[in-house]
Amino acid sequence: MSGLRESAKQALPQPVLHGLRDSRDAIQRWAQWPSATLDPRRRDSIERLVALKDSRKGERCFIIGNGPSLKQMDLSPLKNENTIGMNRFYLMFPELGFKTTYFVSINDLVVEQCAADLQELDIPTFISWRGRQWVQPRKELYYLFTTYTGPKFATDIRGRLWEGATVTYVSMQIAFHLGFQQVILIGVDHNFATKGKPNTTVVSQGDDPNHFSGNYFGKGFRWQLPDLDTSEQGYIRAREAYREAGREILDATVGGKLTVYPKVEFASLFKS
């Protein structure tokens, strides 16, 4: 069967192959739609997301990535700021002495392996609808209908969100829904020491060199290699959506490799 598939790929023109792939992806998304729209747990999330729409209008927030650059920063000024933590950033909560305002995790491998931690968080938390098999409904938990295909930027997160190959892109859509006027990125290094085919699932063999802690994806943790090209496509979509709405995304990551957003010095954001 795989030989026939490869032969078909070679015989068909690229536009035809792209059309067939897009049609397949659309059918898969439609198959997911009934559950992600009509299930009582999702209906409850959708209804509660109404109250969050523009609830932070005009304010600013910091989306905190998990890159090693965080170790070069003093994060104490964020204590009284609106913040969005992602994936395993909760590991830093004890050191910080405070929690982020919101929390987001949408990758299946992360949600599955960290379900107990995500279940216990007592702050507003957003996870993918797929994650319902590992994380049960609780106070201030919101299920989001996220997909791998169908590139878009959702300004209202009650519907479908494209993941853009990174939880950071989903967080940008959440921040837009909440109404934030200005979003500042930190810890989004956009650079990984571990190399390989994007989206390949690997098992960590030792301390994690790609995040702020060696225990982040420590030995034995299953994770997917980054797809930085797709992530950049999402970041560009986010930049344009914010600009069209008269809002902005800035990048205060120390030494980050991302070039999509205007750079700003972190300390300058707190000068009176």
Protein backbone atom coordinates (compact mmCIF):
# COMPACT_ATOMS: atom_id res chain seq x y z
CA MET A 1 0.00 0.00 0.00
CA SER A 2 2.82 2.40 0.84
CA GLY A 3 4.37 1.70 -2.59
CA LEU A 4 1.12 2.59 -4.34
CA ARG A 5 0.85 5.74 -2.29
CA GLU A 6 4.36 6.83 -3.23
CA SER A 7 3.70 6.06 -6.90
CA ALA A 8 0.56 8.18 -6.81
CA LYS A 9 2.47 11.05 -5.23
CA GLN A 10 5.03 10.94 -8.01
CA ALA A 11 2.43 10.70 -10.78
CA LEU A 12 0.06 13.46 -9.66
CA PRO A 13 0.86 17.18 -10.09
CA GLN A 14 1.64 19.08 -6.89
CA PRO A 15 -1.52 21.25 -7.07
CA VAL A 16 -3.62 18.10 -7.22
CA LEU A 17 -1.77 16.54 -4.28
CA HIS A 18 -2.22 19.72 -2.24
CA GLY A 19 -5.91 19.79 -3.09
CA LEU A 20 -6.37 16.16 -2.06
CA ARG A 21 -4.51 16.78 1.19
CA ASP A 22 -6.55 19.88 2.01
CA SER A 23 -9.78 17.99 1.29
CA ARG A 24 -8.69 15.15 3.55
CA ASP A 25 -7.79 17.59 6.34
CA ALA A 26 -11.12 19.41 6.00
CA ILE A 27 -13.02 16.12 6.27
CA GLN A 28 -11.09 15.24 9.42
CA ARG A 29 -11.89 18.63 10.96
CA TRP A 30 -15.58 18.24 10.15
CA ALA A 31 -15.52 14.82 11.78
CA GLN A 32 -14.21 16.42 14.97
CA TRP A 33 -16.73 19.27 14.91
CA PRO A 34 -19.83 17.58 16.43
CA SER A 35 -18.06 16.45 19.59
CA ALA A 36 -16.10 19.70 19.91
CA THR A 37 -19.30 21.72 19.59
CA LEU A 38 -22.13 19.70 21.09
CA ASP A 39 -20.58 17.72 23.94
CA PRO A 40 -21.85 19.12 27.28
CA ARG A 41 -18.31 19.67 28.54
CA ARG A 42 -17.42 21.75 25.51
CA ARG A 43 -20.75 23.58 25.63
CA ASP A 44 -19.96 24.55 29.21
CA SER A 45 -16.54 25.88 28.16
CA ILE A 46 -18.02 27.80 25.24
CA GLU A 47 -20.59 29.46 27.48
CA ARG A 48 -17.97 30.47 30.06
CA LEU A 49 -15.64 31.79 27.35
CA VAL A 50 -18.30 34.38 26.55
CA ALA A 51 -17.59 36.11 29.86
CA LEU A 52 -13.87 36.21 29.10
CA LYS A 53 -14.28 37.95 25.75
CA ASP A 54 -12.59 41.40 26.01
CA SER A 55 -12.46 41.09 29.80
CA ARG A 56 -8.89 42.49 29.68
CA LYS A 57 -9.53 45.08 27.02
CA GLY A 58 -6.82 47.72 26.79
CA GLU A 59 -4.43 45.95 29.18
CA ARG A 60 -1.09 44.27 28.49
CA CYS A 61 0.10 40.76 29.15
CA PHE A 62 3.27 38.72 28.99
CA ILE A 63 3.29 35.35 27.23
CA ILE A 64 6.06 33.38 28.88
CA GLY A 65 7.87 30.81 26.78
CA ASN A 66 9.99 28.11 28.36
CA GLY A 67 13.37 28.70 26.72
CA PRO A 68 16.76 28.66 28.50
CA SER A 69 16.89 32.46 28.17
CA LEU A 70 14.55 32.70 31.17
CA LYS A 71 17.53 31.77 33.34
CA GLN A 72 19.14 35.09 32.33
CA MET A 73 16.14 37.14 33.46
CA ASP A 74 14.78 38.56 36.68
CA LEU A 75 11.10 37.69 36.43
CA SER A 76 10.07 39.34 39.71
CA PRO A 77 8.58 42.41 37.93
CA LEU A 78 5.90 40.10 36.51
CA LYS A 79 4.33 39.49 39.91
CA ASN A 80 1.74 42.22 39.40
CA GLU A 81 1.37 41.79 35.62
CA ASN A 82 -1.04 39.74 33.52
CA THR A 83 0.85 36.62 32.47
CA ILE A 84 0.23 33.47 30.44
CA GLY A 85 2.29 30.39 31.32
CA MET A 86 2.50 27.38 29.05
CA ASN A 87 3.10 23.61 29.18
CA ARG A 88 5.41 22.99 32.17
CA PHE A 89 6.10 26.57 33.26
CA TYR A 90 4.39 25.70 36.55
CA LEU A 91 7.72 24.09 37.53
CA MET A 92 8.98 27.63 38.09
CA PHE A 93 6.10 28.73 40.33
CA PRO A 94 7.87 27.83 43.63
CA GLU A 95 10.98 29.76 42.62
CA LEU A 96 8.97 32.76 41.43
CA GLY A 97 6.77 32.93 44.51
CA PHE A 98 3.70 33.57 42.36
CA LYS A 99 1.65 31.89 39.64
CA THR A 100 0.80 33.09 36.17
CA THR A 101 -2.62 34.66 35.60
CA TYR A 102 -3.53 32.07 32.97
CA PHE A 103 -2.15 28.73 31.83
CA VAL A 104 -2.22 26.95 28.46
CA SER A 105 -1.31 23.43 27.31
CA ILE A 106 -2.50 21.86 24.07
CA ASN A 107 0.11 19.28 22.99
CA ASP A 108 -1.19 15.74 23.52
CA LEU A 109 2.09 14.34 24.83
CA VAL A 110 2.48 17.16 27.35
CA VAL A 111 -1.14 17.01 28.52
CA GLU A 112 -1.05 13.21 28.86
CA GLN A 113 2.20 13.06 30.84
CA CYS A 114 1.48 16.15 32.96
CA ALA A 115 -2.24 15.57 33.48
CA ALA A 116 -1.99 15.31 37.28
CA ASP A 117 -0.17 18.66 37.49
CA LEU A 118 -2.59 20.39 35.12
CA GLN A 119 -5.54 18.96 37.04
CA GLU A 120 -4.32 20.54 40.26
CA LEU A 121 -3.70 24.05 38.95
CA ASP A 122 -5.99 26.58 40.61
CA ILE A 123 -5.74 29.26 37.93
CA PRO A 124 -7.67 29.66 34.65
CA THR A 125 -6.33 26.89 32.42
CA PHE A 126 -6.88 26.23 28.71
CA ILE A 127 -6.27 22.80 27.21
CA SER A 128 -7.16 21.19 23.90
CA TRP A 129 -10.45 19.36 23.56
CA ARG A 130 -8.39 16.24 22.85
CA GLY A 131 -6.99 16.56 26.37
CA ARG A 132 -10.35 15.73 27.95
CA GLN A 133 -9.29 12.09 28.13
CA TRP A 134 -6.57 13.01 30.61
CA VAL A 135 -7.75 16.18 32.36
CA GLN A 136 -11.25 16.22 33.81
CA PRO A 137 -13.52 19.28 34.10
CA ARG A 138 -12.73 21.52 37.05
CA LYS A 139 -13.25 25.09 38.09
CA GLU A 140 -11.74 27.54 35.59
CA LEU A 141 -10.72 24.84 33.12
CA TYR A 142 -11.56 25.63 29.51
CA TYR A 143 -11.54 23.09 26.68
CA LEU A 144 -10.50 24.59 23.32
CA PHE A 145 -11.20 23.08 19.91
CA THR A 146 -7.71 23.17 18.41
CA THR A 147 -6.58 21.48 15.18
CA TYR A 148 -3.31 20.73 13.44
CA THR A 149 -4.63 21.76 10.02
CA GLY A 150 -6.60 24.65 8.54
CA PRO A 151 -4.32 27.68 9.11
CA LYS A 152 -6.18 30.67 10.61
CA PHE A 153 -6.01 33.17 13.45
CA ALA A 154 -9.07 32.98 15.68
CA THR A 155 -10.12 36.28 17.27
CA ASP A 156 -12.86 34.44 19.18
CA ILE A 157 -11.69 31.22 20.83
CA ARG A 158 -15.15 29.74 21.23
CA GLY A 159 -14.74 28.27 17.76
CA ARG A 160 -11.87 26.41 16.15
CA LEU A 161 -8.24 27.44 16.67
CA TRP A 162 -5.29 26.43 14.52
CA GLU A 163 -2.35 25.31 16.67
CA GLY A 164 0.38 26.62 14.37
CA ALA A 165 2.77 23.96 15.70
CA THR A 166 3.28 25.79 18.99
CA VAL A 167 1.35 26.48 22.17
CA THR A 168 2.62 30.07 21.95
CA TYR A 169 0.45 30.70 18.89
CA VAL A 170 -2.61 29.35 20.69
CA SER A 171 -1.79 31.64 23.62
CA MET A 172 -1.71 34.62 21.26
CA GLN A 173 -5.24 33.77 20.12
CA ILE A 174 -6.36 33.44 23.74
CA ALA A 175 -4.79 36.81 24.57
CA PHE A 176 -6.64 38.39 21.65
CA HIS A 177 -9.95 36.92 22.83
CA LEU A 178 -9.29 38.31 26.30
CA GLY A 179 -8.85 41.75 24.75
CA PHE A 180 -5.22 42.51 25.57
CA GLN A 181 -3.97 45.57 23.71
CA GLN A 182 -0.31 44.67 23.98
CA VAL A 183 1.31 41.25 24.21
CA ILE A 184 4.98 40.87 25.15
CA LEU A 185 6.88 37.63 24.57
CA ILE A 186 9.66 36.43 26.85
CA GLY A 187 11.42 33.08 26.87
CA VAL A 188 10.40 32.41 23.26
CA ASP A 189 13.93 31.54 22.16
CA HIS A 190 12.77 30.02 18.82
CA ASN A 191 15.92 27.90 18.90
CA PHE A 192 16.43 24.28 19.95
CA ALA A 193 19.67 22.45 20.67
CA THR A 194 18.04 19.14 19.76
CA LYS A 195 17.77 18.73 15.99
CA GLY A 196 15.73 16.38 13.79
CA LYS A 197 12.70 16.03 11.57
CA PRO A 198 9.94 18.40 12.75
CA ASN A 199 7.06 16.85 14.71
CA THR A 200 8.92 13.56 15.22
CA THR A 201 8.20 12.01 18.63
CA VAL A 202 11.38 11.36 20.61
CA VAL A 203 12.18 10.23 24.14
CA SER A 204 14.50 12.38 26.21
CA GLN A 205 17.68 10.56 27.17
CA GLY A 206 18.83 12.95 29.86
CA ASP A 207 18.62 16.55 31.06
CA ASP A 208 16.67 18.87 28.79
CA PRO A 209 18.91 21.46 27.06
CA ASN A 210 16.03 23.22 25.29
CA HIS A 211 14.13 24.70 28.23
CA PHE A 212 14.71 26.63 31.45
CA SER A 213 15.11 23.46 33.52
CA GLY A 214 16.85 20.16 32.82
CA ASN A 215 13.79 18.48 34.31
CA TYR A 216 11.39 20.18 31.90
CA PHE A 217 11.41 17.32 29.39
CA GLY A 218 13.69 15.18 31.55
CA LYS A 219 14.89 11.63 30.98
CA GLY A 220 12.11 9.37 29.73
CA PHE A 221 9.75 12.21 28.73
CA ARG A 222 8.15 11.81 25.30
CA TRP A 223 8.01 15.00 23.23
CA GLN A 224 7.87 16.21 19.63
CA LEU A 225 10.71 17.95 17.83
CA PRO A 226 9.81 21.57 16.97
CA ASP A 227 8.43 22.72 13.65
CA LEU A 228 9.88 26.23 13.61
CA ASP A 229 8.86 26.99 10.00
CA THR A 230 5.17 26.33 10.68
CA SER A 231 5.44 28.24 13.94
CA GLU A 232 6.75 31.28 12.04
CA GLN A 233 3.80 31.08 9.66
CA GLY A 234 1.53 31.29 12.68
CA TYR A 235 3.48 34.12 14.24
CA ILE A 236 3.15 36.16 11.06
CA ARG A 237 -0.62 35.57 11.05
CA ALA A 238 -0.78 36.71 14.66
CA ARG A 239 1.26 39.83 13.93
CA GLU A 240 -1.07 40.85 11.12
CA ALA A 241 -4.24 40.12 13.12
CA TYR A 242 -3.03 42.26 16.00
CA ARG A 243 -1.98 45.08 13.68
CA GLU A 244 -5.32 45.09 11.90
CA ALA A 245 -7.03 45.45 15.28
CA GLY A 246 -4.74 48.30 16.34
CA ARG A 247 -2.92 46.10 18.85
CA GLU A 248 0.67 44.86 18.99
CA ILE A 249 2.96 41.98 19.87
CA LEU A 250 6.47 42.77 21.09
CA ASP A 251 9.41 40.43 21.75
CA ALA A 252 11.45 40.93 24.92
CA THR A 253 13.14 37.51 24.80
CA VAL A 254 16.82 37.69 25.75
CA GLY A 255 18.86 36.62 22.71
CA GLY A 256 15.83 35.11 20.96
CA LYS A 257 16.10 34.01 17.32
CA LEU A 258 12.56 35.04 16.37
CA THR A 259 12.53 38.03 14.00
CA VAL A 260 8.78 38.45 13.36
CA TYR A 261 8.08 41.03 16.09
CA PRO A 262 9.67 44.32 17.15
CA LYS A 263 12.31 43.79 19.84
CA VAL A 264 12.13 45.55 23.18
CA GLU A 265 14.32 45.43 26.28
CA PHE A 266 12.50 43.70 29.14
CA ALA A 267 13.67 46.13 31.84
CA SER A 268 12.47 49.14 29.81
CA LEU A 269 8.88 47.93 30.15
CA PHE A 270 8.85 48.70 33.87
CA LYS A 271 10.40 52.16 33.92
CA SER A 272 8.05 54.80 35.32
